[in-house]
Amino acid sequence: MPENNLYFIAVVPFSDLQNKVNQLKRDIATRFNSARALKVMPHITLKAPFKWPSTAHNMLLKWFVDLKLPGPSFAITLQGFGAFNNRKNPVIFIKPADSISLVLLQRELVNSFAALEPAIVQPIDKNFTPHMTIAYRDLTPANFEKAWEEYSHKEFEEQFEINAVHLLQHNGRQWNIIASKALANT
């Protein structure tokens, strides 16, 4: 058993929307030679990937199950595309419309996580930029330019209900949802 496990926390859209997002990922993989995003189910990250001692796995699960999240559930609109034009590792993503509910959900989750283990809260967790990645890591700068020329003008609009957050763990080959926590119905 590894010394540390790898986890992250996210919201995940319903399966029909996942299929539409995966079609976009396959298009980018085929035409722009960037398939890495296909290894992860479509999601919006709330807590960036982190390592956690395998001996403390049950403690993390208990924290997650006991987590108090703001409610009620809410709809979010995905609208168009955005990019992080990093020189070495550019990213193309689907943009969620601004949502104070999503920002508050992420902030509450990260604050709770910081109370559990402050050393694992990263700057990216504090500077939340919601996005649903469709190309990253193996997207070369040259292929980014070609893909972004097209995707920056491409239309995309879908809506989904956020009614839970999910704890995902990497098993050495892929990410799997290992626990889900519903939003409060207040």
Foldseek 3Di string as FASTA:
>chain_A
DDQKWKKFKWFAFDDVVQVVLVVLLVVCCVPQVFNPLVQAGWTWTLADMDIDGPVCVVVVVVLQQPQAFADDKDKKKFKAKDWDLDQAKIWIWTAIDDDPNSVRRSVSVLVSVCVVPVVGGDPCNVVDRITTTSGIDPRGSVSCVVVCVPRNPDTDIDMGIGFWMFMWIDPPRGIDTPDIGGHDPD
